[in-house]
Amino acid sequence: QMYAECLRAAHFHPIELADTADALATAEVADVIVTGIRIPGPFDGLELVRRLRANDRTRRKPIIVLSACALAPERSRAQDAGCNLFLAKPCLPDALVREIKILLATSKPKRTAPVQLRSRGT
């Protein structure tokens, strides 16, 4: 919720979702997707990234993995899954906002509605 509040303060319109299934179903309306690795749902955040990359409608969406699982193997797995950027928690909210702005500037989206999943401790 802290990240969502900072995104709102930066004039974004985050959509907070309960699980990976909801994120997959909603991803088409987002310009940027922010997810974790260990998040609720029928599959984890890395499988979400893989599925988004496999879908013609979402394969070019910028994806940020924001996770406390910050060791090299997790970073590598996230990059292999197809994320544009891996940010380790704790991550200052301003850093997330800055990185989203950079991704939006380079991908030229139509709207500003990043999707953020609520995670449980990761």
PDB file of N, CA and C in Angstrom:
ATOM      1  N   GLN A   1       0.814  -1.202   0.000  1.00  0.00           N
ATOM      2  CA  GLN A   1       0.000   0.000   0.000  1.00  0.00           C
ATOM      3  C   GLN A   1       0.852   1.258   0.000  1.00  0.00           C
ATOM      4  N   MET A   2       2.026   1.183   0.628  1.00  0.00           N
ATOM      5  CA  MET A   2       2.915   2.338   0.659  1.00  0.00           C
ATOM      6  C   MET A   2       3.312   2.735  -0.768  1.00  0.00           C
ATOM      7  N   TYR A   3       3.649   1.739  -1.585  1.00  0.00           N
ATOM      8  CA  TYR A   3       4.024   2.040  -2.966  1.00  0.00           C
ATOM      9  C   TYR A   3       2.839   2.613  -3.741  1.00  0.00           C
ATOM     10  N   ALA A   4       1.660   2.066  -3.527  1.00  0.00           N
ATOM     11  CA  ALA A   4       0.472   2.568  -4.225  1.00  0.00           C
ATOM     12  C   ALA A   4       0.214   4.029  -3.856  1.00  0.00           C
ATOM     13  N   GLU A   5       0.374   4.380  -2.600  1.00  0.00           N
ATOM     14  CA  GLU A   5       0.174   5.767  -2.168  1.00  0.00           C
ATOM     15  C   GLU A   5       1.194   6.698  -2.819  1.00  0.00           C
ATOM     16  N   CYS A   6       2.422   6.267  -2.896  1.00  0.00           N
ATOM     17  CA  CYS A   6       3.450   7.098  -3.537  1.00  0.00           C
ATOM     18  C   CYS A   6       3.177   7.251  -5.026  1.00  0.00           C
ATOM     19  N   LEU A   7       2.689   6.194  -5.656  1.00  0.00           N
ATOM     20  CA  LEU A   7       2.338   6.295  -7.074  1.00  0.00           C
ATOM     21  C   LEU A   7       1.184   7.268  -7.273  1.00  0.00           C
ATOM     22  N   ARG A   8       0.209   7.239  -6.382  1.00  0.00           N
ATOM     23  CA  ARG A   8      -0.901   8.205  -6.464  1.00  0.00           C
ATOM     24  C   ARG A   8      -0.389   9.634  -6.297  1.00  0.00           C
ATOM     25  N   ALA A   9       0.514   9.829  -5.347  1.00  0.00           N
ATOM     26  CA  ALA A   9       1.079  11.159  -5.117  1.00  0.00           C
ATOM     27  C   ALA A   9       1.854  11.648  -6.343  1.00  0.00           C
ATOM     28  N   ALA A  10       2.362  10.707  -7.152  1.00  0.00           N
ATOM     29  CA  ALA A  10       3.099  11.063  -8.370  1.00  0.00           C
ATOM     30  C   ALA A  10       2.168  11.128  -9.582  1.00  0.00           C
ATOM     31  N   HIS A  11       0.865  11.136  -9.327  1.00  0.00           N
ATOM     32  CA  HIS A  11      -0.166  11.284 -10.367  1.00  0.00           C
ATOM     33  C   HIS A  11      -0.333  10.057 -11.261  1.00  0.00           C
ATOM     34  N   PHE A  12      -0.013   8.886 -10.718  1.00  0.00           N
ATOM     35  CA  PHE A  12      -0.324   7.634 -11.392  1.00  0.00           C
ATOM     36  C   PHE A  12      -1.644   7.117 -10.830  1.00  0.00           C
ATOM     37  N   HIS A  13      -2.174   6.104 -11.461  1.00  0.00           N
ATOM     38  CA  HIS A  13      -3.438   5.507 -11.024  1.00  0.00           C
ATOM     39  C   HIS A  13      -3.239   4.008 -10.848  1.00  0.00           C
ATOM     40  N   PRO A  14      -2.597   3.608  -9.731  1.00  0.00           N
ATOM     41  CA  PRO A  14      -2.315   2.186  -9.543  1.00  0.00           C
ATOM     42  C   PRO A  14      -3.591   1.372  -9.328  1.00  0.00           C
ATOM     43  N   ILE A  15      -3.566   0.177  -9.836  1.00  0.00           N
ATOM     44  CA  ILE A  15      -4.643  -0.780  -9.625  1.00  0.00           C
ATOM     45  C   ILE A  15      -4.041  -1.887  -8.766  1.00  0.00           C
ATOM     46  N   GLU A  16      -4.496  -2.006  -7.535  1.00  0.00           N
ATOM     47  CA  GLU A  16      -3.985  -3.036  -6.643  1.00  0.00           C
ATOM     48  C   GLU A  16      -4.861  -4.273  -6.781  1.00  0.00           C
ATOM     49  N   LEU A  17      -4.220  -5.401  -7.025  1.00  0.00           N
ATOM     50  CA  LEU A  17      -4.950  -6.634  -7.255  1.00  0.00           C
ATOM     51  C   LEU A  17      -4.590  -7.673  -6.205  1.00  0.00           C
ATOM     52  N   ALA A  18      -5.509  -8.617  -5.986  1.00  0.00           N
ATOM     53  CA  ALA A  18      -5.343  -9.591  -4.923  1.00  0.00           C
ATOM     54  C   ALA A  18      -4.414 -10.742  -5.274  1.00  0.00           C
ATOM     55  N   ASP A  19      -4.379 -11.142  -6.550  1.00  0.00           N
ATOM     56  CA  ASP A  19      -3.560 -12.302  -6.886  1.00  0.00           C
ATOM     57  C   ASP A  19      -3.125 -12.290  -8.348  1.00  0.00           C
ATOM     58  N   THR A  20      -2.320 -13.288  -8.689  1.00  0.00           N
ATOM     59  CA  THR A  20      -1.741 -13.344 -10.032  1.00  0.00           C
ATOM     60  C   THR A  20      -2.788 -13.586 -11.115  1.00  0.00           C
ATOM     61  N   ALA A  21      -3.832 -14.310 -10.807  1.00  0.00           N
ATOM     62  CA  ALA A  21      -4.884 -14.535 -11.806  1.00  0.00           C
ATOM     63  C   ALA A  21      -5.560 -13.216 -12.165  1.00  0.00           C
ATOM     64  N   ASP A  22      -5.865 -12.402 -11.161  1.00  0.00           N
ATOM     65  CA  ASP A  22      -6.453 -11.081 -11.422  1.00  0.00           C
ATOM     66  C   ASP A  22      -5.486 -10.204 -12.216  1.00  0.00           C
ATOM     67  N   ALA A  23      -4.202 -10.286 -11.889  1.00  0.00           N
ATOM     68  CA  ALA A  23      -3.206  -9.481 -12.596  1.00  0.00           C
ATOM     69  C   ALA A  23      -3.135  -9.877 -14.069  1.00  0.00           C
ATOM     70  N   LEU A  24      -3.157 -11.159 -14.331  1.00  0.00           N
ATOM     71  CA  LEU A  24      -3.104 -11.628 -15.715  1.00  0.00           C
ATOM     72  C   LEU A  24      -4.333 -11.162 -16.487  1.00  0.00           C
ATOM     73  N   ALA A  25      -5.483 -11.202 -15.843  1.00  0.00           N
ATOM     74  CA  ALA A  25      -6.732 -10.800 -16.495  1.00  0.00           C
ATOM     75  C   ALA A  25      -6.812  -9.296 -16.720  1.00  0.00           C
ATOM     76  N   THR A  26      -6.108  -8.514 -15.916  1.00  0.00           N
ATOM     77  CA  THR A  26      -6.194  -7.052 -15.954  1.00  0.00           C
ATOM     78  C   THR A  26      -5.019  -6.402 -16.670  1.00  0.00           C
ATOM     79  N   ALA A  27      -3.991  -7.130 -16.965  1.00  0.00           N
ATOM     80  CA  ALA A  27      -2.736  -6.562 -17.461  1.00  0.00           C
ATOM     81  C   ALA A  27      -2.873  -5.736 -18.727  1.00  0.00           C
ATOM     82  N   GLU A  28      -3.831  -6.044 -19.571  1.00  0.00           N
ATOM     83  CA  GLU A  28      -3.961  -5.307 -20.831  1.00  0.00           C
ATOM     84  C   GLU A  28      -4.245  -3.827 -20.627  1.00  0.00           C
ATOM     85  N   VAL A  29      -4.871  -3.450 -19.514  1.00  0.00           N
ATOM     86  CA  VAL A  29      -5.206  -2.041 -19.292  1.00  0.00           C
ATOM     87  C   VAL A  29      -4.067  -1.263 -18.645  1.00  0.00           C
ATOM     88  N   ALA A  30      -3.025  -1.953 -18.222  1.00  0.00           N
ATOM     89  CA  ALA A  30      -1.907  -1.291 -17.540  1.00  0.00           C
ATOM     90  C   ALA A  30      -0.852  -0.856 -18.539  1.00  0.00           C
ATOM     91  N   ASP A  31      -0.158   0.202 -18.187  1.00  0.00           N
ATOM     92  CA  ASP A  31       0.992   0.629 -18.973  1.00  0.00           C
ATOM     93  C   ASP A  31       2.278   0.050 -18.407  1.00  0.00           C
ATOM     94  N   VAL A  32       2.315  -0.155 -17.100  1.00  0.00           N
ATOM     95  CA  VAL A  32       3.453  -0.735 -16.409  1.00  0.00           C
ATOM     96  C   VAL A  32       2.903  -1.736 -15.407  1.00  0.00           C
ATOM     97  N   ILE A  33       3.571  -2.859 -15.280  1.00  0.00           N
ATOM     98  CA  ILE A  33       3.152  -3.875 -14.320  1.00  0.00           C
ATOM     99  C   ILE A  33       4.250  -4.014 -13.280  1.00  0.00           C
ATOM    100  N   VAL A  34       3.852  -3.902 -12.019  1.00  0.00           N
ATOM    101  CA  VAL A  34       4.776  -4.081 -10.901  1.00  0.00           C
ATOM    102  C   VAL A  34       4.303  -5.303 -10.139  1.00  0.00           C
ATOM    103  N   THR A  35       5.174  -6.273  -9.976  1.00  0.00           N
ATOM    104  CA  THR A  35       4.819  -7.497  -9.270  1.00  0.00           C
ATOM    105  C   THR A  35       5.967  -7.923  -8.374  1.00  0.00           C
ATOM    106  N   GLY A  36       5.680  -8.851  -7.513  1.00  0.00           N
ATOM    107  CA  GLY A  36       6.704  -9.479  -6.689  1.00  0.00           C
ATOM    108  C   GLY A  36       6.977 -10.871  -7.207  1.00  0.00           C
ATOM    109  N   ILE A  37       7.764 -11.621  -6.453  1.00  0.00           N
ATOM    110  CA  ILE A  37       8.011 -13.019  -6.808  1.00  0.00           C
ATOM    111  C   ILE A  37       7.045 -13.918  -6.052  1.00  0.00           C
ATOM    112  N   ARG A  38       7.039 -13.792  -4.761  1.00  0.00           N
ATOM    113  CA  ARG A  38       6.169 -14.616  -3.912  1.00  0.00           C
ATOM    114  C   ARG A  38       4.909 -13.824  -3.586  1.00  0.00           C
ATOM    115  N   ILE A  39       3.921 -13.994  -4.431  1.00  0.00           N
ATOM    116  CA  ILE A  39       2.673 -13.280  -4.264  1.00  0.00           C
ATOM    117  C   ILE A  39       1.523 -14.267  -4.342  1.00  0.00           C
ATOM    118  N   PRO A  40       0.372 -13.905  -3.792  1.00  0.00           N
ATOM    119  CA  PRO A  40      -0.768 -14.828  -3.788  1.00  0.00           C
ATOM    120  C   PRO A  40      -1.266 -15.138  -5.193  1.00  0.00           C
ATOM    121  N   GLY A  41      -1.834 -16.309  -5.325  1.00  0.00           N
ATOM    122  CA  GLY A  41      -2.448 -16.678  -6.584  1.00  0.00           C
ATOM    123  C   GLY A  41      -2.122 -18.097  -6.993  1.00  0.00           C
ATOM    124  N   PRO A  42      -2.683 -18.503  -8.104  1.00  0.00           N
ATOM    125  CA  PRO A  42      -2.469 -19.868  -8.573  1.00  0.00           C
ATOM    126  C   PRO A  42      -1.051 -20.105  -9.114  1.00  0.00           C
ATOM    127  N   PHE A  43      -0.290 -19.032  -9.351  1.00  0.00           N
ATOM    128  CA  PHE A  43       1.097 -19.133  -9.795  1.00  0.00           C
ATOM    129  C   PHE A  43       1.843 -17.936  -9.228  1.00  0.00           C
ATOM    130  N   ASP A  44       3.166 -18.012  -9.213  1.00  0.00           N
ATOM    131  CA  ASP A  44       3.951 -16.927  -8.605  1.00  0.00           C
ATOM    132  C   ASP A  44       4.159 -15.773  -9.575  1.00  0.00           C
ATOM    133  N   GLY A  45       4.830 -14.743  -9.103  1.00  0.00           N
ATOM    134  CA  GLY A  45       5.050 -13.545  -9.912  1.00  0.00           C
ATOM    135  C   GLY A  45       5.915 -13.780 -11.137  1.00  0.00           C
ATOM    136  N   LEU A  46       6.844 -14.708 -11.055  1.00  0.00           N
ATOM    137  CA  LEU A  46       7.683 -14.981 -12.217  1.00  0.00           C
ATOM    138  C   LEU A  46       6.899 -15.698 -13.309  1.00  0.00           C
ATOM    139  N   GLU A  47       5.996 -16.574 -12.911  1.00  0.00           N
ATOM    140  CA  GLU A  47       5.130 -17.215 -13.907  1.00  0.00           C
ATOM    141  C   GLU A  47       4.190 -16.176 -14.511  1.00  0.00           C
ATOM    142  N   LEU A  48       3.763 -15.206 -13.728  1.00  0.00           N
ATOM    143  CA  LEU A  48       2.960 -14.107 -14.265  1.00  0.00           C
ATOM    144  C   LEU A  48       3.744 -13.388 -15.361  1.00  0.00           C
ATOM    145  N   VAL A  49       5.001 -13.089 -15.093  1.00  0.00           N
ATOM    146  CA  VAL A  49       5.835 -12.407 -16.085  1.00  0.00           C
ATOM    147  C   VAL A  49       5.948 -13.260 -17.353  1.00  0.00           C
ATOM    148  N   ARG A  50       6.206 -14.551 -17.182  1.00  0.00           N
ATOM    149  CA  ARG A  50       6.312 -15.452 -18.347  1.00  0.00           C
ATOM    150  C   ARG A  50       5.037 -15.435 -19.176  1.00  0.00           C
ATOM    151  N   ARG A  51       3.897 -15.526 -18.505  1.00  0.00           N
ATOM    152  CA  ARG A  51       2.616 -15.545 -19.213  1.00  0.00           C
ATOM    153  C   ARG A  51       2.339 -14.225 -19.915  1.00  0.00           C
ATOM    154  N   LEU A  52       2.712 -13.117 -19.288  1.00  0.00           N
ATOM    155  CA  LEU A  52       2.533 -11.813 -19.930  1.00  0.00           C
ATOM    156  C   LEU A  52       3.405 -11.699 -21.173  1.00  0.00           C
ATOM    157  N   ARG A  53       4.611 -12.209 -21.104  1.00  0.00           N
ATOM    158  CA  ARG A  53       5.522 -12.168 -22.256  1.00  0.00           C
ATOM    159  C   ARG A  53       5.060 -13.101 -23.380  1.00  0.00           C
ATOM    160  N   ALA A  54       4.331 -14.148 -23.042  1.00  0.00           N
ATOM    161  CA  ALA A  54       3.851 -15.106 -24.053  1.00  0.00           C
ATOM    162  C   ALA A  54       2.579 -14.631 -24.753  1.00  0.00           C
ATOM    163  N   ASN A  55       1.927 -13.614 -24.201  1.00  0.00           N
ATOM    164  CA  ASN A  55       0.668 -13.112 -24.743  1.00  0.00           C
ATOM    165  C   ASN A  55       0.946 -11.950 -25.700  1.00  0.00           C
ATOM    166  N   ASP A  56       0.415 -12.030 -26.915  1.00  0.00           N
ATOM    167  CA  ASP A  56       0.640 -10.966 -27.904  1.00  0.00           C
ATOM    168  C   ASP A  56       0.189  -9.593 -27.417  1.00  0.00           C
ATOM    169  N   ARG A  57      -0.839  -9.559 -26.596  1.00  0.00           N
ATOM    170  CA  ARG A  57      -1.389  -8.269 -26.140  1.00  0.00           C
ATOM    171  C   ARG A  57      -0.593  -7.644 -25.000  1.00  0.00           C
ATOM    172  N   THR A  58       0.222  -8.424 -24.318  1.00  0.00           N
ATOM    173  CA  THR A  58       0.955  -7.891 -23.167  1.00  0.00           C
ATOM    174  C   THR A  58       2.468  -8.064 -23.274  1.00  0.00           C
ATOM    175  N   ARG A  59       2.942  -8.681 -24.332  1.00  0.00           N
ATOM    176  CA  ARG A  59       4.367  -9.020 -24.414  1.00  0.00           C
ATOM    177  C   ARG A  59       5.287  -7.801 -24.381  1.00  0.00           C
ATOM    178  N   ARG A  60       4.806  -6.630 -24.763  1.00  0.00           N
ATOM    179  CA  ARG A  60       5.661  -5.433 -24.784  1.00  0.00           C
ATOM    180  C   ARG A  60       5.444  -4.510 -23.586  1.00  0.00           C
ATOM    181  N   LYS A  61       4.595  -4.926 -22.670  1.00  0.00           N
ATOM    182  CA  LYS A  61       4.352  -4.100 -21.485  1.00  0.00           C
ATOM    183  C   LYS A  61       5.597  -4.077 -20.600  1.00  0.00           C
ATOM    184  N   PRO A  62       5.975  -2.911 -20.115  1.00  0.00           N
ATOM    185  CA  PRO A  62       7.084  -2.863 -19.162  1.00  0.00           C
ATOM    186  C   PRO A  62       6.693  -3.563 -17.864  1.00  0.00           C
ATOM    187  N   ILE A  63       7.599  -4.389 -17.362  1.00  0.00           N
ATOM    188  CA  ILE A  63       7.334  -5.144 -16.135  1.00  0.00           C
ATOM    189  C   ILE A  63       8.488  -4.938 -15.167  1.00  0.00           C
ATOM    190  N   ILE A  64       8.122  -4.574 -13.938  1.00  0.00           N
ATOM    191  CA  ILE A  64       9.085  -4.431 -12.851  1.00  0.00           C
ATOM    192  C   ILE A  64       8.794  -5.522 -11.834  1.00  0.00           C
ATOM    193  N   VAL A  65       9.827  -6.257 -11.448  1.00  0.00           N
ATOM    194  CA  VAL A  65       9.718  -7.193 -10.336  1.00  0.00           C
ATOM    195  C   VAL A  65      10.335  -6.501  -9.134  1.00  0.00           C
ATOM    196  N   LEU A  66       9.532  -6.342  -8.101  1.00  0.00           N
ATOM    197  CA  LEU A  66       9.931  -5.674  -6.858  1.00  0.00           C
ATOM    198  C   LEU A  66       9.844  -6.714  -5.762  1.00  0.00           C
ATOM    199  N   SER A  67      10.991  -7.112  -5.215  1.00  0.00           N
ATOM    200  CA  SER A  67      10.961  -8.250  -4.303  1.00  0.00           C
ATOM    201  C   SER A  67      12.048  -8.197  -3.257  1.00  0.00           C
ATOM    202  N   ALA A  68      11.752  -8.780  -2.104  1.00  0.00           N
ATOM    203  CA  ALA A  68      12.753  -8.957  -1.059  1.00  0.00           C
ATOM    204  C   ALA A  68      13.649 -10.151  -1.373  1.00  0.00           C
ATOM    205  N   CYS A  69      13.262 -10.955  -2.312  1.00  0.00           N
ATOM    206  CA  CYS A  69      14.083 -12.082  -2.781  1.00  0.00           C
ATOM    207  C   CYS A  69      15.142 -11.508  -3.712  1.00  0.00           C
ATOM    208  N   ALA A  70      16.182 -10.925  -3.147  1.00  0.00           N
ATOM    209  CA  ALA A  70      17.106 -10.120  -3.942  1.00  0.00           C
ATOM    210  C   ALA A  70      18.439 -10.787  -4.235  1.00  0.00           C
ATOM    211  N   LEU A  71      18.579 -12.058  -3.942  1.00  0.00           N
ATOM    212  CA  LEU A  71      19.832 -12.739  -4.231  1.00  0.00           C
ATOM    213  C   LEU A  71      19.988 -12.955  -5.731  1.00  0.00           C
ATOM    214  N   ALA A  72      21.209 -13.172  -6.159  1.00  0.00           N
ATOM    215  CA  ALA A  72      21.511 -13.315  -7.590  1.00  0.00           C
ATOM    216  C   ALA A  72      20.634 -14.346  -8.302  1.00  0.00           C
ATOM    217  N   PRO A  73      20.372 -15.526  -7.709  1.00  0.00           N
ATOM    218  CA  PRO A  73      19.517 -16.487  -8.424  1.00  0.00           C
ATOM    219  C   PRO A  73      18.101 -15.960  -8.701  1.00  0.00           C
ATOM    220  N   GLU A  74      17.538 -15.236  -7.751  1.00  0.00           N
ATOM    221  CA  GLU A  74      16.201 -14.683  -7.954  1.00  0.00           C
ATOM    222  C   GLU A  74      16.225 -13.592  -9.012  1.00  0.00           C
ATOM    223  N   ARG A  75      17.222 -12.737  -8.978  1.00  0.00           N
ATOM    224  CA  ARG A  75      17.367 -11.703 -10.012  1.00  0.00           C
ATOM    225  C   ARG A  75      17.462 -12.345 -11.395  1.00  0.00           C
ATOM    226  N   SER A  76      18.278 -13.371 -11.475  1.00  0.00           N
ATOM    227  CA  SER A  76      18.469 -14.060 -12.745  1.00  0.00           C
ATOM    228  C   SER A  76      17.174 -14.710 -13.223  1.00  0.00           C
ATOM    229  N   ARG A  77      16.445 -15.345 -12.320  1.00  0.00           N
ATOM    230  CA  ARG A  77      15.171 -15.963 -12.674  1.00  0.00           C
ATOM    231  C   ARG A  77      14.178 -14.916 -13.159  1.00  0.00           C
ATOM    232  N   ALA A  78      14.156 -13.757 -12.509  1.00  0.00           N
ATOM    233  CA  ALA A  78      13.243 -12.682 -12.914  1.00  0.00           C
ATOM    234  C   ALA A  78      13.606 -12.160 -14.303  1.00  0.00           C
ATOM    235  N   GLN A  79      14.884 -11.985 -14.544  1.00  0.00           N
ATOM    236  CA  GLN A  79      15.323 -11.508 -15.854  1.00  0.00           C
ATOM    237  C   GLN A  79      15.053 -12.554 -16.932  1.00  0.00           C
ATOM    238  N   ASP A  80      15.280 -13.827 -16.612  1.00  0.00           N
ATOM    239  CA  ASP A  80      14.992 -14.908 -17.561  1.00  0.00           C
ATOM    240  C   ASP A  80      13.506 -14.992 -17.886  1.00  0.00           C
ATOM    241  N   ALA A  81      12.665 -14.665 -16.903  1.00  0.00           N
ATOM    242  CA  ALA A  81      11.214 -14.686 -17.124  1.00  0.00           C
ATOM    243  C   ALA A  81      10.785 -13.565 -18.063  1.00  0.00           C
ATOM    244  N   GLY A  82      11.579 -12.473 -18.109  1.00  0.00           N
ATOM    245  CA  GLY A  82      11.278 -11.402 -19.052  1.00  0.00           C
ATOM    246  C   GLY A  82      10.996 -10.044 -18.461  1.00  0.00           C
ATOM    247  N   CYS A  83      11.305  -9.834 -17.183  1.00  0.00           N
ATOM    248  CA  CYS A  83      11.046  -8.505 -16.617  1.00  0.00           C
ATOM    249  C   CYS A  83      12.008  -7.485 -17.207  1.00  0.00           C
ATOM    250  N   ASN A  84      11.571  -6.243 -17.253  1.00  0.00           N
ATOM    251  CA  ASN A  84      12.425  -5.159 -17.729  1.00  0.00           C
ATOM    252  C   ASN A  84      13.394  -4.693 -16.646  1.00  0.00           C
ATOM    253  N   LEU A  85      12.948  -4.823 -15.395  1.00  0.00           N
ATOM    254  CA  LEU A  85      13.730  -4.285 -14.289  1.00  0.00           C
ATOM    255  C   LEU A  85      13.439  -5.079 -13.027  1.00  0.00           C
ATOM    256  N   PHE A  86      14.478  -5.342 -12.245  1.00  0.00           N
ATOM    257  CA  PHE A  86      14.342  -5.979 -10.944  1.00  0.00           C
ATOM    258  C   PHE A  86      14.759  -4.965  -9.901  1.00  0.00           C
ATOM    259  N   LEU A  87      13.895  -4.697  -8.931  1.00  0.00           N
ATOM    260  CA  LEU A  87      14.214  -3.803  -7.823  1.00  0.00           C
ATOM    261  C   LEU A  87      14.129  -4.589  -6.525  1.00  0.00           C
ATOM    262  N   ALA A  88      15.166  -4.491  -5.723  1.00  0.00           N
ATOM    263  CA  ALA A  88      15.215  -5.202  -4.452  1.00  0.00           C
ATOM    264  C   ALA A  88      14.551  -4.372  -3.362  1.00  0.00           C
ATOM    265  N   LYS A  89      13.757  -5.035  -2.529  1.00  0.00           N
ATOM    266  CA  LYS A  89      13.219  -4.396  -1.331  1.00  0.00           C
ATOM    267  C   LYS A  89      14.274  -4.494  -0.240  1.00  0.00           C
ATOM    268  N   PRO A  90      14.392  -3.527   0.631  1.00  0.00           N
ATOM    269  CA  PRO A  90      13.576  -2.325   0.616  1.00  0.00           C
ATOM    270  C   PRO A  90      13.984  -1.398  -0.528  1.00  0.00           C
ATOM    271  N   CYS A  91      12.988  -0.880  -1.170  1.00  0.00           N
ATOM    272  CA  CYS A  91      13.182   0.041  -2.287  1.00  0.00           C
ATOM    273  C   CYS A  91      12.455   1.331  -1.924  1.00  0.00           C
ATOM    274  N   LEU A  92      13.146   2.424  -1.990  1.00  0.00           N
ATOM    275  CA  LEU A  92      12.483   3.698  -1.692  1.00  0.00           C
ATOM    276  C   LEU A  92      11.374   3.934  -2.716  1.00  0.00           C
ATOM    277  N   PRO A  93      10.211   4.356  -2.273  1.00  0.00           N
ATOM    278  CA  PRO A  93       9.109   4.612  -3.203  1.00  0.00           C
ATOM    279  C   PRO A  93       9.485   5.586  -4.312  1.00  0.00           C
ATOM    280  N   ASP A  94      10.300   6.575  -3.990  1.00  0.00           N
ATOM    281  CA  ASP A  94      10.732   7.530  -5.012  1.00  0.00           C
ATOM    282  C   ASP A  94      11.534   6.841  -6.119  1.00  0.00           C
ATOM    283  N   ALA A  95      12.296   5.820  -5.750  1.00  0.00           N
ATOM    284  CA  ALA A  95      13.068   5.080  -6.746  1.00  0.00           C
ATOM    285  C   ALA A  95      12.128   4.310  -7.677  1.00  0.00           C
ATOM    286  N   LEU A  96      11.077   3.733  -7.121  1.00  0.00           N
ATOM    287  CA  LEU A  96      10.098   3.032  -7.953  1.00  0.00           C
ATOM    288  C   LEU A  96       9.419   4.010  -8.903  1.00  0.00           C
ATOM    289  N   VAL A  97       9.013   5.155  -8.407  1.00  0.00           N
ATOM    290  CA  VAL A  97       8.376   6.173  -9.248  1.00  0.00           C
ATOM    291  C   VAL A  97       9.321   6.601 -10.363  1.00  0.00           C
ATOM    292  N   ARG A  98      10.575   6.837 -10.027  1.00  0.00           N
ATOM    293  CA  ARG A  98      11.568   7.248 -11.027  1.00  0.00           C
ATOM    294  C   ARG A  98      11.723   6.170 -12.118  1.00  0.00           C
ATOM    295  N   GLU A  99      11.819   4.924 -11.710  1.00  0.00           N
ATOM    296  CA  GLU A  99      11.997   3.838 -12.680  1.00  0.00           C
ATOM    297  C   GLU A  99      10.763   3.665 -13.561  1.00  0.00           C
ATOM    298  N   ILE A 100       9.586   3.830 -12.996  1.00  0.00           N
ATOM    299  CA  ILE A 100       8.358   3.749 -13.792  1.00  0.00           C
ATOM    300  C   ILE A 100       8.346   4.867 -14.837  1.00  0.00           C
ATOM    301  N   LYS A 101       8.722   6.069 -14.425  1.00  0.00           N
ATOM    302  CA  LYS A 101       8.757   7.185 -15.377  1.00  0.00           C
ATOM    303  C   LYS A 101       9.729   6.908 -16.512  1.00  0.00           C
ATOM    304  N   ILE A 102      10.862   6.315 -16.194  1.00  0.00           N
ATOM    305  CA  ILE A 102      11.837   5.981 -17.236  1.00  0.00           C
ATOM    306  C   ILE A 102      11.252   4.950 -18.195  1.00  0.00           C
ATOM    307  N   LEU A 103      10.632   3.906 -17.653  1.00  0.00           N
ATOM    308  CA  LEU A 103      10.033   2.880 -18.513  1.00  0.00           C
ATOM    309  C   LEU A 103       8.914   3.456 -19.374  1.00  0.00           C
ATOM    310  N   LEU A 104       8.100   4.322 -18.796  1.00  0.00           N
ATOM    311  CA  LEU A 104       7.025   4.940 -19.573  1.00  0.00           C
ATOM    312  C   LEU A 104       7.578   5.822 -20.683  1.00  0.00           C
ATOM    313  N   ALA A 105       8.637   6.538 -20.389  1.00  0.00           N
ATOM    314  CA  ALA A 105       9.233   7.424 -21.400  1.00  0.00           C
ATOM    315  C   ALA A 105       9.827   6.634 -22.564  1.00  0.00           C
ATOM    316  N   THR A 106      10.341   5.464 -22.280  1.00  0.00           N
ATOM    317  CA  THR A 106      10.969   4.675 -23.340  1.00  0.00           C
ATOM    318  C   THR A 106       9.987   3.766 -24.064  1.00  0.00           C
ATOM    319  N   SER A 107       8.832   3.471 -23.442  1.00  0.00           N
ATOM    320  CA  SER A 107       7.869   2.570 -24.094  1.00  0.00           C
ATOM    321  C   SER A 107       6.691   3.308 -24.717  1.00  0.00           C
ATOM    322  N   LYS A 108       6.530   4.593 -24.420  1.00  0.00           N
ATOM    323  CA  LYS A 108       5.474   5.438 -24.980  1.00  0.00           C
ATOM    324  C   LYS A 108       4.074   4.821 -24.895  1.00  0.00           C
ATOM    325  N   PRO A 109       3.572   4.588 -23.660  1.00  0.00           N
ATOM    326  CA  PRO A 109       2.237   4.010 -23.492  1.00  0.00           C
ATOM    327  C   PRO A 109       1.126   5.014 -23.756  1.00  0.00           C
ATOM    328  N   LYS A 110      -0.090   4.527 -23.762  1.00  0.00           N
ATOM    329  CA  LYS A 110      -1.258   5.372 -23.998  1.00  0.00           C
ATOM    330  C   LYS A 110      -1.820   5.971 -22.718  1.00  0.00           C
ATOM    331  N   ARG A 111      -1.634   5.296 -21.580  1.00  0.00           N
ATOM    332  CA  ARG A 111      -2.165   5.776 -20.298  1.00  0.00           C
ATOM    333  C   ARG A 111      -1.137   5.567 -19.208  1.00  0.00           C
ATOM    334  N   THR A 112      -1.479   5.982 -17.991  1.00  0.00           N
ATOM    335  CA  THR A 112      -0.584   5.782 -16.859  1.00  0.00           C
ATOM    336  C   THR A 112      -1.324   5.035 -15.762  1.00  0.00           C
ATOM    337  N   ALA A 113      -1.383   3.722 -15.892  1.00  0.00           N
ATOM    338  CA  ALA A 113      -2.082   2.908 -14.903  1.00  0.00           C
ATOM    339  C   ALA A 113      -1.248   1.685 -14.540  1.00  0.00           C
ATOM    340  N   PRO A 114      -0.182   1.880 -13.743  1.00  0.00           N
ATOM    341  CA  PRO A 114       0.609   0.716 -13.366  1.00  0.00           C
ATOM    342  C   PRO A 114      -0.189  -0.215 -12.458  1.00  0.00           C
ATOM    343  N   VAL A 115       0.030  -1.483 -12.593  1.00  0.00           N
ATOM    344  CA  VAL A 115      -0.627  -2.482 -11.763  1.00  0.00           C
ATOM    345  C   VAL A 115       0.349  -2.909 -10.679  1.00  0.00           C
ATOM    346  N   GLN A 116      -0.111  -2.893  -9.451  1.00  0.00           N
ATOM    347  CA  GLN A 116       0.711  -3.353  -8.344  1.00  0.00           C
ATOM    348  C   GLN A 116      -0.050  -4.422  -7.603  1.00  0.00           C
ATOM    349  N   LEU A 117       0.583  -5.562  -7.367  1.00  0.00           N
ATOM    350  CA  LEU A 117      -0.028  -6.628  -6.604  1.00  0.00           C
ATOM    351  C   LEU A 117       0.343  -6.477  -5.148  1.00  0.00           C
ATOM    352  N   ARG A 118      -0.593  -6.719  -4.282  1.00  0.00           N
ATOM    353  CA  ARG A 118      -0.284  -6.763  -2.861  1.00  0.00           C
ATOM    354  C   ARG A 118       0.456  -8.049  -2.589  1.00  0.00           C
ATOM    355  N   SER A 119       1.555  -7.946  -1.862  1.00  0.00           N
ATOM    356  CA  SER A 119       2.304  -9.146  -1.526  1.00  0.00           C
ATOM    357  C   SER A 119       2.263  -9.347  -0.019  1.00  0.00           C
ATOM    358  N   ARG A 120       2.546 -10.544   0.370  1.00  0.00           N
ATOM    359  CA  ARG A 120       2.528 -10.870   1.795  1.00  0.00           C
ATOM    360  C   ARG A 120       3.952 -11.036   2.303  1.00  0.00           C
ATOM    361  N   GLY A 121       4.576  -9.924   2.663  1.00  0.00           N
ATOM    362  CA  GLY A 121       5.877  -9.970   3.296  1.00  0.00           C
ATOM    363  C   GLY A 121       7.072 -10.110   2.369  1.00  0.00           C
ATOM    364  N   THR A 122       6.855 -10.116   1.053  1.00  0.00           N
ATOM    365  CA  THR A 122       8.008 -10.216   0.157  1.00  0.00           C
ATOM    366  C   THR A 122       8.044  -9.040  -0.776  1.00  0.00           C
TER     367      THR A 122
END
